[in-house]
Amino acid sequence: MITNSNLHFQLIKGIIDHGFAPTVDELAEIFNSDIEQVIEGLRQLQEYHGVVLHPNEPKVWVLHPFSLAPTNFYVESKKGQWWGNCAWCSLGIAALLGEDVKITTTLGAETKQVEIHIQNGEILEKNLFIHFPIPMKQAWDNVIYTCSNMLVFENETQIEDWAKRHQIPKGDIQPIEKIWSFSKKWYGNHLNPEWIKWSIDDAKRIFREFDLGGKIWDLGETTGRF
């Protein structure tokens, strides 16, 4: 039987092991199921916000923290190479891999390239910041856009200049080391065969645990799963 949990597990395991997701045909073989049931399972997982499919075909586009299309974040380890959707997601990939990782990106998705190294579970470049301009309660309104704006910067002045230049609101700014700790908690269960998405109450609790507050992190009275 295909469930959100076991389908999510097979997808994310495939991405970690091979760098790409299994196809519908491969999933049908894994689950000893027919293709129509797999496609329906993928659509249900998308409704659950567990995957983002291409608009016109049942093919994985995004499975957080991984992107299967090129992005501004390239994650490398001894296991392989992957694209992260954003700064937060790239740290989430590192958390899932549990080994030394190098993340290559550019400041503000512009011209200056930086490398972020995680060795023995610790970020070496502690003088960087992550900007979160989109309120979390709106994150899934357009999750691709939301992720594309979670970028790395060197300081607040740089973020203010960037926001004015691109007419994107200045949001919350967090030190990268703090978001690394947060990412380990947020993505730590994503490779569990019995994975379920965090509930809104779970998300609020985790945000409080890492002192993530203000209007960007306020989930309001929304219900369901994040």
N, C-alpha and C. Protein backbone atom coordinates (compact mmCIF):
# COMPACT_ATOMS: atom_id res chain seq x y z
N MET A 1 0.84 -1.20 0.00
CA MET A 1 0.00 0.00 0.00
C MET A 1 0.88 1.26 0.00
N ILE A 2 0.56 2.19 -0.88
CA ILE A 2 1.32 3.43 -0.96
C ILE A 2 0.74 4.44 0.01
N THR A 3 1.61 4.99 0.88
CA THR A 3 1.20 6.04 1.82
C THR A 3 2.10 7.26 1.61
N ASN A 4 1.69 8.37 2.18
CA ASN A 4 2.56 9.55 2.12
C ASN A 4 3.93 9.24 2.71
N SER A 5 3.96 8.50 3.80
CA SER A 5 5.21 8.23 4.50
C SER A 5 6.14 7.35 3.69
N ASN A 6 5.64 6.20 3.23
CA ASN A 6 6.57 5.29 2.54
C ASN A 6 6.93 5.80 1.14
N LEU A 7 6.05 6.56 0.50
CA LEU A 7 6.39 7.15 -0.78
C LEU A 7 7.45 8.23 -0.61
N HIS A 8 7.27 9.07 0.39
CA HIS A 8 8.27 10.10 0.70
C HIS A 8 9.63 9.46 0.97
N PHE A 9 9.64 8.37 1.73
CA PHE A 9 10.90 7.69 2.06
C PHE A 9 11.59 7.19 0.80
N GLN A 10 10.86 6.54 -0.08
CA GLN A 10 11.48 6.00 -1.29
C GLN A 10 12.02 7.11 -2.19
N LEU A 11 11.31 8.22 -2.25
CA LEU A 11 11.77 9.35 -3.06
C LEU A 11 13.05 9.95 -2.49
N ILE A 12 13.03 10.23 -1.20
CA ILE A 12 14.18 10.91 -0.62
C ILE A 12 15.40 9.99 -0.56
N LYS A 13 15.17 8.70 -0.32
CA LYS A 13 16.28 7.74 -0.34
C LYS A 13 16.88 7.66 -1.74
N GLY A 14 16.04 7.66 -2.75
CA GLY A 14 16.54 7.62 -4.12
C GLY A 14 17.37 8.84 -4.46
N ILE A 15 16.92 10.00 -4.02
CA ILE A 15 17.66 11.24 -4.28
C ILE A 15 19.01 11.21 -3.58
N ILE A 16 19.05 10.78 -2.34
CA ILE A 16 20.32 10.71 -1.61
C ILE A 16 21.26 9.69 -2.25
N ASP A 17 20.73 8.53 -2.62
CA ASP A 17 21.58 7.45 -3.15
C ASP A 17 22.05 7.72 -4.57
N HIS A 18 21.20 8.35 -5.40
CA HIS A 18 21.50 8.46 -6.83
C HIS A 18 21.58 9.88 -7.36
N GLY A 19 21.09 10.86 -6.58
CA GLY A 19 21.11 12.25 -7.05
C GLY A 19 19.86 12.65 -7.78
N PHE A 20 18.93 11.73 -7.96
CA PHE A 20 17.66 12.02 -8.63
C PHE A 20 16.60 11.07 -8.08
N ALA A 21 15.34 11.43 -8.32
CA ALA A 21 14.24 10.64 -7.76
C ALA A 21 13.90 9.46 -8.67
N PRO A 22 13.40 8.37 -8.09
CA PRO A 22 12.91 7.27 -8.93
C PRO A 22 11.74 7.70 -9.79
N THR A 23 11.64 7.10 -10.96
CA THR A 23 10.54 7.41 -11.89
C THR A 23 9.25 6.74 -11.42
N VAL A 24 8.17 7.10 -12.08
CA VAL A 24 6.88 6.47 -11.79
C VAL A 24 6.97 4.97 -12.02
N ASP A 25 7.62 4.56 -13.11
CA ASP A 25 7.75 3.13 -13.40
C ASP A 25 8.56 2.42 -12.31
N GLU A 26 9.63 3.06 -11.86
CA GLU A 26 10.45 2.45 -10.81
C GLU A 26 9.68 2.36 -9.50
N LEU A 27 8.91 3.39 -9.19
CA LEU A 27 8.10 3.36 -7.98
C LEU A 27 7.04 2.27 -8.04
N ALA A 28 6.46 2.08 -9.22
CA ALA A 28 5.46 1.02 -9.39
C ALA A 28 6.09 -0.34 -9.09
N GLU A 29 7.34 -0.52 -9.52
CA GLU A 29 8.03 -1.79 -9.26
C GLU A 29 8.35 -1.92 -7.77
N ILE A 30 8.81 -0.84 -7.16
CA ILE A 30 9.14 -0.87 -5.72
C ILE A 30 7.93 -1.26 -4.88
N PHE A 31 6.78 -0.67 -5.24
CA PHE A 31 5.57 -0.90 -4.45
C PHE A 31 4.71 -2.05 -4.98
N ASN A 32 5.20 -2.70 -6.03
CA ASN A 32 4.41 -3.78 -6.65
C ASN A 32 3.00 -3.28 -6.93
N SER A 33 2.94 -2.13 -7.58
CA SER A 33 1.68 -1.43 -7.79
C SER A 33 1.56 -1.05 -9.26
N ASP A 34 0.41 -0.53 -9.66
CA ASP A 34 0.30 -0.05 -11.02
C ASP A 34 0.61 1.45 -11.08
N ILE A 35 0.88 1.92 -12.27
CA ILE A 35 1.34 3.29 -12.47
C ILE A 35 0.30 4.29 -12.00
N GLU A 36 -0.98 4.01 -12.24
CA GLU A 36 -2.04 4.94 -11.85
C GLU A 36 -2.06 5.14 -10.33
N GLN A 37 -1.82 4.08 -9.58
CA GLN A 37 -1.79 4.20 -8.12
C GLN A 37 -0.59 5.04 -7.67
N VAL A 38 0.54 4.88 -8.35
CA VAL A 38 1.73 5.68 -8.03
C VAL A 38 1.46 7.15 -8.30
N ILE A 39 0.87 7.43 -9.45
CA ILE A 39 0.59 8.83 -9.80
C ILE A 39 -0.38 9.45 -8.80
N GLU A 40 -1.39 8.70 -8.41
CA GLU A 40 -2.33 9.19 -7.41
C GLU A 40 -1.61 9.42 -6.07
N GLY A 41 -0.69 8.51 -5.73
CA GLY A 41 0.08 8.68 -4.50
C GLY A 41 0.94 9.94 -4.53
N LEU A 42 1.54 10.21 -5.67
CA LEU A 42 2.35 11.43 -5.82
C LEU A 42 1.48 12.67 -5.69
N ARG A 43 0.30 12.63 -6.28
CA ARG A 43 -0.60 13.79 -6.18
C ARG A 43 -1.07 14.01 -4.74
N GLN A 44 -1.34 12.92 -4.04
CA GLN A 44 -1.74 13.05 -2.64
C GLN A 44 -0.59 13.60 -1.79
N LEU A 45 0.63 13.13 -2.09
CA LEU A 45 1.80 13.63 -1.36
C LEU A 45 2.00 15.12 -1.64
N GLN A 46 1.70 15.55 -2.85
CA GLN A 46 1.80 16.97 -3.17
C GLN A 46 0.74 17.77 -2.42
N GLU A 47 -0.48 17.25 -2.32
CA GLU A 47 -1.52 17.92 -1.54
C GLU A 47 -1.12 18.05 -0.07
N TYR A 48 -0.34 17.11 0.39
CA TYR A 48 0.16 17.07 1.77
C TYR A 48 1.36 18.00 1.96
N HIS A 49 1.77 18.64 0.87
CA HIS A 49 2.97 19.49 0.85
C HIS A 49 4.23 18.69 1.17
N GLY A 50 4.24 17.42 0.74
CA GLY A 50 5.43 16.59 0.92
C GLY A 50 6.30 16.53 -0.31
N VAL A 51 5.82 17.05 -1.42
CA VAL A 51 6.58 17.06 -2.68
C VAL A 51 5.99 18.14 -3.56
N VAL A 52 6.78 18.64 -4.49
CA VAL A 52 6.28 19.53 -5.54
C VAL A 52 6.55 18.85 -6.87
N LEU A 53 5.50 18.62 -7.64
CA LEU A 53 5.63 17.97 -8.93
C LEU A 53 5.71 19.00 -10.05
N HIS A 54 6.28 18.59 -11.18
CA HIS A 54 6.22 19.44 -12.35
C HIS A 54 4.75 19.70 -12.70
N PRO A 55 4.43 20.90 -13.21
CA PRO A 55 3.02 21.24 -13.43
C PRO A 55 2.27 20.31 -14.38
N ASN A 56 2.97 19.74 -15.36
CA ASN A 56 2.27 19.00 -16.40
C ASN A 56 2.61 17.51 -16.46
N GLU A 57 3.32 17.03 -15.44
CA GLU A 57 3.63 15.60 -15.43
C GLU A 57 3.94 15.16 -14.00
N PRO A 58 3.72 13.88 -13.69
CA PRO A 58 3.97 13.38 -12.33
C PRO A 58 5.45 13.10 -12.10
N LYS A 59 6.25 14.15 -12.13
CA LYS A 59 7.69 14.04 -11.97
C LYS A 59 8.12 14.98 -10.86
N VAL A 60 9.00 14.51 -9.99
CA VAL A 60 9.40 15.31 -8.83
C VAL A 60 10.23 16.52 -9.26
N TRP A 61 9.83 17.68 -8.81
CA TRP A 61 10.56 18.93 -9.02
C TRP A 61 11.32 19.28 -7.74
N VAL A 62 10.60 19.27 -6.61
CA VAL A 62 11.19 19.59 -5.31
C VAL A 62 10.72 18.57 -4.29
N LEU A 63 11.65 18.06 -3.51
CA LEU A 63 11.34 17.26 -2.34
C LEU A 63 12.22 17.81 -1.22
N HIS A 64 11.66 18.69 -0.43
CA HIS A 64 12.47 19.39 0.56
C HIS A 64 13.25 18.41 1.44
N PRO A 65 14.54 18.66 1.60
CA PRO A 65 15.29 19.86 1.25
C PRO A 65 15.93 19.87 -0.13
N PHE A 66 15.63 18.90 -0.98
CA PHE A 66 16.30 18.78 -2.27
C PHE A 66 15.51 19.45 -3.38
N SER A 67 16.24 20.02 -4.34
CA SER A 67 15.65 20.45 -5.60
C SER A 67 16.20 19.55 -6.70
N LEU A 68 15.36 19.15 -7.63
CA LEU A 68 15.81 18.35 -8.76
C LEU A 68 15.94 19.20 -10.02
N ALA A 69 15.95 20.50 -9.84
CA ALA A 69 16.28 21.45 -10.90
C ALA A 69 17.37 22.36 -10.37
N PRO A 70 18.22 22.91 -11.24
CA PRO A 70 19.34 23.73 -10.77
C PRO A 70 18.89 24.92 -9.94
N THR A 71 19.67 25.21 -8.90
CA THR A 71 19.40 26.34 -8.01
C THR A 71 20.72 27.06 -7.72
N ASN A 72 20.65 28.02 -6.81
CA ASN A 72 21.83 28.77 -6.40
C ASN A 72 22.63 28.08 -5.29
N PHE A 73 22.24 26.85 -4.93
CA PHE A 73 22.91 26.14 -3.84
C PHE A 73 23.33 24.74 -4.30
N TYR A 74 24.63 24.50 -4.28
CA TYR A 74 25.18 23.21 -4.70
C TYR A 74 25.84 22.56 -3.50
N VAL A 75 25.38 21.38 -3.16
CA VAL A 75 25.82 20.69 -1.95
C VAL A 75 26.64 19.45 -2.35
N GLU A 76 27.83 19.33 -1.77
CA GLU A 76 28.71 18.21 -2.11
C GLU A 76 29.19 17.50 -0.85
N SER A 77 29.24 16.18 -0.93
CA SER A 77 29.85 15.37 0.12
C SER A 77 30.46 14.15 -0.55
N LYS A 78 31.03 13.25 0.24
CA LYS A 78 31.58 12.02 -0.32
C LYS A 78 30.50 11.17 -0.97
N LYS A 79 29.25 11.34 -0.52
CA LYS A 79 28.15 10.54 -1.06
C LYS A 79 27.74 10.98 -2.47
N GLY A 80 27.88 12.28 -2.75
CA GLY A 80 27.42 12.77 -4.05
C GLY A 80 27.24 14.27 -4.06
N GLN A 81 26.41 14.73 -5.02
CA GLN A 81 26.14 16.16 -5.18
C GLN A 81 24.65 16.37 -5.39
N TRP A 82 24.14 17.48 -4.85
CA TRP A 82 22.72 17.79 -4.94
C TRP A 82 22.52 19.30 -5.01
N TRP A 83 21.35 19.71 -5.47
CA TRP A 83 20.93 21.10 -5.37
C TRP A 83 20.02 21.27 -4.16
N GLY A 84 20.26 22.31 -3.38
CA GLY A 84 19.34 22.69 -2.32
C GLY A 84 18.45 23.81 -2.80
N ASN A 85 17.23 23.86 -2.30
CA ASN A 85 16.29 24.89 -2.72
C ASN A 85 16.69 26.27 -2.23
N CYS A 86 17.33 26.32 -1.07
CA CYS A 86 17.63 27.60 -0.43
C CYS A 86 18.73 27.37 0.59
N ALA A 87 19.08 28.42 1.33
CA ALA A 87 20.10 28.28 2.36
C ALA A 87 19.64 27.31 3.45
N TRP A 88 18.41 27.46 3.89
CA TRP A 88 17.86 26.57 4.92
C TRP A 88 17.86 25.13 4.43
N CYS A 89 17.36 24.89 3.23
CA CYS A 89 17.30 23.53 2.68
C CYS A 89 18.69 22.93 2.52
N SER A 90 19.66 23.74 2.09
CA SER A 90 21.01 23.22 1.90
C SER A 90 21.60 22.74 3.21
N LEU A 91 21.33 23.47 4.28
CA LEU A 91 21.75 23.01 5.60
C LEU A 91 20.98 21.75 6.00
N GLY A 92 19.71 21.66 5.56
CA GLY A 92 18.93 20.46 5.81
C GLY A 92 19.50 19.24 5.12
N ILE A 93 20.01 19.41 3.90
CA ILE A 93 20.68 18.31 3.20
C ILE A 93 21.88 17.84 4.01
N ALA A 94 22.67 18.80 4.47
CA ALA A 94 23.83 18.45 5.30
C ALA A 94 23.41 17.67 6.54
N ALA A 95 22.31 18.08 7.15
CA ALA A 95 21.82 17.40 8.34
C ALA A 95 21.42 15.96 8.02
N LEU A 96 20.78 15.74 6.88
CA LEU A 96 20.37 14.39 6.51
C LEU A 96 21.56 13.50 6.18
N LEU A 97 22.57 14.08 5.53
CA LEU A 97 23.72 13.27 5.13
C LEU A 97 24.56 12.86 6.33
N GLY A 98 24.67 13.74 7.32
CA GLY A 98 25.42 13.42 8.52
C GLY A 98 26.90 13.23 8.29
N GLU A 99 27.47 13.95 7.33
CA GLU A 99 28.90 13.86 7.07
C GLU A 99 29.41 15.23 6.62
N ASP A 100 30.71 15.35 6.42
CA ASP A 100 31.28 16.62 6.01
C ASP A 100 30.70 17.05 4.66
N VAL A 101 30.39 18.34 4.56
CA VAL A 101 29.68 18.86 3.38
C VAL A 101 30.27 20.21 2.99
N LYS A 102 30.27 20.48 1.70
CA LYS A 102 30.59 21.82 1.19
C LYS A 102 29.38 22.35 0.42
N ILE A 103 28.92 23.53 0.78
CA ILE A 103 27.82 24.19 0.08
C ILE A 103 28.41 25.37 -0.69
N THR A 104 28.18 25.41 -1.98
CA THR A 104 28.63 26.52 -2.80
C THR A 104 27.43 27.35 -3.22
N THR A 105 27.50 28.65 -3.00
CA THR A 105 26.40 29.54 -3.36
C THR A 105 26.96 30.91 -3.69
N THR A 106 26.09 31.87 -3.96
CA THR A 106 26.51 33.25 -4.16
C THR A 106 25.71 34.15 -3.24
N LEU A 107 26.33 35.21 -2.77
CA LEU A 107 25.65 36.15 -1.88
C LEU A 107 24.50 36.81 -2.61
N GLY A 108 23.30 36.66 -2.05
CA GLY A 108 22.13 37.29 -2.65
C GLY A 108 21.82 36.81 -4.05
N ALA A 109 22.29 35.62 -4.41
CA ALA A 109 22.11 35.07 -5.77
C ALA A 109 22.67 36.02 -6.83
N GLU A 110 23.75 36.70 -6.47
CA GLU A 110 24.39 37.64 -7.39
C GLU A 110 25.78 37.13 -7.77
N THR A 111 26.81 37.94 -7.66
CA THR A 111 28.07 37.58 -8.32
C THR A 111 29.15 37.01 -7.41
N LYS A 112 29.11 37.31 -6.12
CA LYS A 112 30.19 36.87 -5.23
C LYS A 112 29.93 35.46 -4.71
N GLN A 113 30.79 34.54 -5.09
CA GLN A 113 30.62 33.15 -4.67
C GLN A 113 31.24 32.92 -3.30
N VAL A 114 30.55 32.11 -2.51
CA VAL A 114 31.07 31.72 -1.20
C VAL A 114 30.92 30.21 -1.03
N GLU A 115 31.79 29.65 -0.22
CA GLU A 115 31.70 28.24 0.14
C GLU A 115 31.45 28.13 1.64
N ILE A 116 30.54 27.24 1.99
CA ILE A 116 30.20 27.00 3.38
C ILE A 116 30.58 25.55 3.69
N HIS A 117 31.44 25.38 4.66
CA HIS A 117 31.93 24.04 5.00
C HIS A 117 31.36 23.60 6.34
N ILE A 118 30.87 22.38 6.35
CA ILE A 118 30.43 21.75 7.60
C ILE A 118 31.34 20.56 7.84
N GLN A 119 32.09 20.62 8.91
CA GLN A 119 33.05 19.56 9.25
C GLN A 119 32.83 19.11 10.68
N ASN A 120 32.72 17.80 10.83
CA ASN A 120 32.48 17.22 12.17
C ASN A 120 31.26 17.86 12.84
N GLY A 121 30.24 18.15 12.02
CA GLY A 121 28.99 18.69 12.54
C GLY A 121 28.99 20.16 12.85
N GLU A 122 30.05 20.86 12.47
CA GLU A 122 30.16 22.28 12.81
C GLU A 122 30.37 23.12 11.55
N ILE A 123 29.67 24.26 11.49
CA ILE A 123 29.88 25.21 10.39
C ILE A 123 31.16 25.99 10.64
N LEU A 124 32.01 26.06 9.62
CA LEU A 124 33.27 26.79 9.78
C LEU A 124 33.10 28.28 9.52
N GLU A 125 32.24 28.65 8.57
CA GLU A 125 32.05 30.06 8.22
C GLU A 125 30.91 30.63 9.06
N LYS A 126 31.24 31.09 10.25
CA LYS A 126 30.22 31.53 11.20
C LYS A 126 29.83 33.00 11.01
N ASN A 127 30.47 33.68 10.08
CA ASN A 127 30.23 35.13 9.92
C ASN A 127 29.22 35.42 8.80
N LEU A 128 28.39 34.45 8.46
CA LEU A 128 27.38 34.62 7.41
C LEU A 128 25.98 34.65 8.03
N PHE A 129 25.04 35.20 7.24
CA PHE A 129 23.65 35.35 7.70
C PHE A 129 22.70 34.85 6.62
N ILE A 130 21.53 34.42 7.06
CA ILE A 130 20.48 34.00 6.12
C ILE A 130 19.30 34.94 6.27
N HIS A 131 18.80 35.39 5.13
CA HIS A 131 17.68 36.33 5.08
C HIS A 131 16.40 35.57 4.75
N PHE A 132 15.35 35.82 5.54
CA PHE A 132 14.04 35.19 5.35
C PHE A 132 13.02 36.29 5.07
N PRO A 133 12.77 36.65 3.80
CA PRO A 133 11.87 37.77 3.52
C PRO A 133 10.39 37.40 3.44
N ILE A 134 10.07 36.12 3.26
CA ILE A 134 8.68 35.70 3.05
C ILE A 134 8.11 35.15 4.36
N PRO A 135 6.97 35.68 4.84
CA PRO A 135 6.36 35.13 6.06
C PRO A 135 6.06 33.65 5.92
N MET A 136 6.34 32.90 6.97
CA MET A 136 6.18 31.45 6.91
C MET A 136 4.73 31.02 6.67
N LYS A 137 3.78 31.82 7.13
CA LYS A 137 2.39 31.42 6.90
C LYS A 137 2.00 31.58 5.43
N GLN A 138 2.84 32.23 4.63
CA GLN A 138 2.62 32.35 3.18
C GLN A 138 3.57 31.48 2.37
N ALA A 139 4.38 30.68 3.07
CA ALA A 139 5.45 29.95 2.39
C ALA A 139 4.95 29.06 1.27
N TRP A 140 3.82 28.38 1.49
CA TRP A 140 3.33 27.44 0.49
C TRP A 140 2.42 28.09 -0.55
N ASP A 141 2.20 29.40 -0.46
CA ASP A 141 1.46 30.07 -1.53
C ASP A 141 2.20 29.94 -2.86
N ASN A 142 3.53 30.04 -2.80
CA ASN A 142 4.41 29.81 -3.94
C ASN A 142 5.74 29.38 -3.37
N VAL A 143 5.86 28.10 -3.06
CA VAL A 143 7.01 27.61 -2.30
C VAL A 143 8.31 27.73 -3.08
N ILE A 144 8.25 27.67 -4.41
CA ILE A 144 9.47 27.83 -5.20
C ILE A 144 10.01 29.24 -5.03
N TYR A 145 9.13 30.22 -5.09
CA TYR A 145 9.54 31.62 -4.88
C TYR A 145 10.03 31.84 -3.46
N THR A 146 9.33 31.27 -2.49
CA THR A 146 9.74 31.40 -1.10
C THR A 146 11.16 30.90 -0.90
N CYS A 147 11.42 29.70 -1.40
CA CYS A 147 12.75 29.12 -1.22
C CYS A 147 13.82 29.93 -1.95
N SER A 148 13.50 30.41 -3.15
CA SER A 148 14.52 31.11 -3.94
C SER A 148 14.98 32.39 -3.28
N ASN A 149 14.23 32.90 -2.31
CA ASN A 149 14.58 34.15 -1.63
C ASN A 149 15.29 33.94 -0.30
N MET A 150 15.45 32.71 0.15
CA MET A 150 16.18 32.45 1.40
C MET A 150 17.66 32.32 1.07
N LEU A 151 18.37 33.44 1.13
CA LEU A 151 19.73 33.53 0.61
C LEU A 151 20.74 33.89 1.68
N VAL A 152 22.00 33.73 1.33
CA VAL A 152 23.12 33.99 2.24
C VAL A 152 23.69 35.38 1.99
N PHE A 153 24.03 36.07 3.07
CA PHE A 153 24.63 37.40 3.00
C PHE A 153 25.72 37.51 4.06
N GLU A 154 26.50 38.61 3.95
CA GLU A 154 27.58 38.84 4.90
C GLU A 154 27.18 39.75 6.06
N ASN A 155 26.18 40.62 5.84
CA ASN A 155 25.80 41.56 6.91
C ASN A 155 24.44 42.18 6.60
N GLU A 156 23.90 42.90 7.56
CA GLU A 156 22.56 43.49 7.42
C GLU A 156 22.54 44.60 6.38
N THR A 157 23.58 45.40 6.29
CA THR A 157 23.62 46.47 5.29
C THR A 157 23.52 45.91 3.89
N GLN A 158 24.21 44.82 3.67
CA GLN A 158 24.16 44.15 2.37
C GLN A 158 22.73 43.69 2.06
N ILE A 159 22.04 43.19 3.05
CA ILE A 159 20.66 42.74 2.87
C ILE A 159 19.75 43.93 2.57
N GLU A 160 19.92 45.02 3.29
CA GLU A 160 19.09 46.21 3.05
C GLU A 160 19.29 46.74 1.63
N ASP A 161 20.52 46.80 1.17
CA ASP A 161 20.79 47.26 -0.20
C ASP A 161 20.17 46.32 -1.22
N TRP A 162 20.31 45.03 -0.97
CA TRP A 162 19.76 44.01 -1.87
C TRP A 162 18.24 44.12 -1.95
N ALA A 163 17.59 44.28 -0.80
CA ALA A 163 16.13 44.37 -0.75
C ALA A 163 15.62 45.58 -1.53
N LYS A 164 16.29 46.72 -1.37
CA LYS A 164 15.88 47.93 -2.10
C LYS A 164 16.10 47.74 -3.60
N ARG A 165 17.21 47.16 -3.96
CA ARG A 165 17.55 47.00 -5.38
C ARG A 165 16.58 46.08 -6.11
N HIS A 166 16.08 45.08 -5.40
CA HIS A 166 15.20 44.10 -6.05
C HIS A 166 13.73 44.26 -5.65
N GLN A 167 13.43 45.28 -4.85
CA GLN A 167 12.05 45.53 -4.39
C GLN A 167 11.46 44.29 -3.73
N ILE A 168 12.27 43.69 -2.87
CA ILE A 168 11.84 42.56 -2.05
C ILE A 168 11.92 43.01 -0.60
N PRO A 169 10.87 42.80 0.18
CA PRO A 169 10.88 43.31 1.56
C PRO A 169 12.03 42.74 2.39
N LYS A 170 12.58 43.58 3.23
CA LYS A 170 13.55 43.09 4.21
C LYS A 170 12.79 42.30 5.27
N GLY A 171 13.23 41.08 5.51
CA GLY A 171 12.54 40.22 6.47
C GLY A 171 13.37 39.97 7.71
N ASP A 172 13.41 38.72 8.13
CA ASP A 172 14.16 38.35 9.31
C ASP A 172 15.57 37.91 8.91
N ILE A 173 16.55 38.26 9.74
CA ILE A 173 17.95 37.94 9.48
C ILE A 173 18.46 37.08 10.62
N GLN A 174 19.01 35.93 10.26
CA GLN A 174 19.49 35.00 11.29
C GLN A 174 20.91 34.56 11.00
N PRO A 175 21.75 34.41 12.04
CA PRO A 175 23.10 33.89 11.83
C PRO A 175 23.06 32.46 11.32
N ILE A 176 23.96 32.13 10.42
CA ILE A 176 23.92 30.82 9.77
C ILE A 176 24.11 29.68 10.76
N GLU A 177 24.89 29.90 11.81
CA GLU A 177 25.12 28.84 12.79
C GLU A 177 23.83 28.47 13.51
N LYS A 178 22.98 29.46 13.78
CA LYS A 178 21.69 29.20 14.42
C LYS A 178 20.77 28.40 13.49
N ILE A 179 20.74 28.77 12.21
CA ILE A 179 19.89 28.05 11.26
C ILE A 179 20.42 26.65 11.00
N TRP A 180 21.71 26.45 11.14
CA TRP A 180 22.26 25.10 11.05
C TRP A 180 21.69 24.23 12.17
N SER A 181 21.69 24.73 13.39
CA SER A 181 21.11 23.97 14.51
C SER A 181 19.62 23.73 14.28
N PHE A 182 18.92 24.74 13.83
CA PHE A 182 17.49 24.63 13.54
C PHE A 182 17.23 23.60 12.44
N SER A 183 18.06 23.61 11.39
CA SER A 183 17.87 22.69 10.27
C SER A 183 18.03 21.24 10.69
N LYS A 184 18.94 20.99 11.62
CA LYS A 184 19.12 19.61 12.10
C LYS A 184 17.86 19.11 12.78
N LYS A 185 17.19 19.97 13.51
CA LYS A 185 15.94 19.58 14.16
C LYS A 185 14.81 19.47 13.12
N TRP A 186 14.72 20.44 12.22
CA TRP A 186 13.61 20.49 11.28
C TRP A 186 13.64 19.33 10.28
N TYR A 187 14.83 19.02 9.77
CA TYR A 187 14.95 17.99 8.75
C TYR A 187 15.45 16.65 9.28
N GLY A 188 15.66 16.56 10.58
CA GLY A 188 16.28 15.37 11.14
C GLY A 188 15.50 14.08 10.96
N ASN A 189 14.19 14.18 10.73
CA ASN A 189 13.35 12.98 10.61
C ASN A 189 12.93 12.70 9.16
N HIS A 190 13.48 13.42 8.21
CA HIS A 190 13.00 13.32 6.83
C HIS A 190 13.35 12.00 6.15
N LEU A 191 14.32 11.28 6.69
CA LEU A 191 14.67 9.98 6.09
C LEU A 191 14.07 8.82 6.88
N ASN A 192 13.07 9.10 7.65
CA ASN A 192 12.37 8.08 8.43
C ASN A 192 11.25 7.47 7.58
N PRO A 193 11.21 6.14 7.43
CA PRO A 193 10.12 5.52 6.66
C PRO A 193 8.73 5.86 7.20
N GLU A 194 8.65 6.29 8.47
CA GLU A 194 7.36 6.65 9.06
C GLU A 194 7.22 8.17 9.20
N TRP A 195 7.97 8.90 8.39
CA TRP A 195 7.92 10.37 8.40
C TRP A 195 6.50 10.90 8.25
N ILE A 196 6.20 11.94 9.01
CA ILE A 196 5.01 12.76 8.77
C ILE A 196 5.42 14.22 8.88
N LYS A 197 4.71 15.08 8.20
CA LYS A 197 5.04 16.51 8.24
C LYS A 197 4.77 17.07 9.63
N TRP A 198 5.55 18.10 9.98
CA TRP A 198 5.27 18.80 11.23
C TRP A 198 3.88 19.41 11.19
N SER A 199 3.17 19.32 12.28
CA SER A 199 1.91 20.05 12.39
C SER A 199 2.22 21.53 12.61
N ILE A 200 1.23 22.38 12.45
CA ILE A 200 1.42 23.81 12.72
C ILE A 200 1.85 24.01 14.17
N ASP A 201 1.25 23.26 15.09
CA ASP A 201 1.65 23.37 16.50
C ASP A 201 3.10 22.93 16.70
N ASP A 202 3.51 21.86 16.01
CA ASP A 202 4.90 21.42 16.07
C ASP A 202 5.82 22.54 15.58
N ALA A 203 5.45 23.12 14.43
CA ALA A 203 6.28 24.17 13.84
C ALA A 203 6.42 25.36 14.79
N LYS A 204 5.30 25.76 15.40
CA LYS A 204 5.35 26.87 16.35
C LYS A 204 6.28 26.55 17.52
N ARG A 205 6.20 25.32 18.00
CA ARG A 205 7.05 24.90 19.12
C ARG A 205 8.53 24.93 18.74
N ILE A 206 8.84 24.44 17.55
CA ILE A 206 10.24 24.41 17.11
C ILE A 206 10.75 25.83 16.86
N PHE A 207 9.91 26.67 16.28
CA PHE A 207 10.32 28.07 16.10
C PHE A 207 10.66 28.70 17.45
N ARG A 208 9.81 28.46 18.45
CA ARG A 208 10.09 29.02 19.78
C ARG A 208 11.38 28.44 20.37
N GLU A 209 11.60 27.16 20.15
CA GLU A 209 12.79 26.50 20.69
C GLU A 209 14.07 27.17 20.19
N PHE A 210 14.02 27.66 18.94
CA PHE A 210 15.22 28.28 18.36
C PHE A 210 15.09 29.81 18.31
N ASP A 211 14.16 30.34 19.09
CA ASP A 211 13.99 31.78 19.22
C ASP A 211 13.79 32.44 17.85
N LEU A 212 12.93 31.83 17.05
CA LEU A 212 12.57 32.38 15.74
C LEU A 212 11.19 33.00 15.88
N GLY A 213 11.15 34.31 15.93
CA GLY A 213 9.89 35.01 16.19
C GLY A 213 9.69 36.18 15.25
N GLY A 214 8.73 37.04 15.60
CA GLY A 214 8.41 38.18 14.76
C GLY A 214 7.46 37.79 13.64
N LYS A 215 7.14 38.75 12.78
CA LYS A 215 6.10 38.53 11.77
C LYS A 215 6.48 37.47 10.74
N ILE A 216 7.76 37.27 10.48
CA ILE A 216 8.16 36.27 9.49
C ILE A 216 7.83 34.86 9.97
N TRP A 217 7.98 34.61 11.25
CA TRP A 217 7.81 33.26 11.79
C TRP A 217 6.45 33.05 12.44
N ASP A 218 5.60 34.04 12.41
CA ASP A 218 4.28 33.95 13.03
C ASP A 218 3.33 33.18 12.13
N LEU A 219 2.89 32.02 12.57
CA LEU A 219 1.97 31.19 11.79
C LEU A 219 0.51 31.49 12.07
N GLY A 220 0.26 32.43 12.97
CA GLY A 220 -1.10 32.87 13.24
C GLY A 220 -2.02 31.75 13.70
N GLU A 221 -3.23 31.77 13.21
CA GLU A 221 -4.25 30.79 13.61
C GLU A 221 -4.41 29.69 12.58
N THR A 222 -3.46 29.55 11.67
CA THR A 222 -3.55 28.50 10.67
C THR A 222 -3.52 27.13 11.33
N THR A 223 -4.10 26.15 10.63
CA THR A 223 -4.15 24.80 11.16
C THR A 223 -3.58 23.83 10.10
N GLY A 224 -3.49 22.57 10.49
CA GLY A 224 -3.00 21.57 9.54
C GLY A 224 -1.53 21.31 9.74
N ARG A 225 -0.84 21.11 8.62
CA ARG A 225 0.59 20.76 8.67
C ARG A 225 1.40 21.76 7.86
N PHE A 226 2.64 21.96 8.33
CA PHE A 226 3.51 22.92 7.68
C PHE A 226 4.47 22.17 6.77
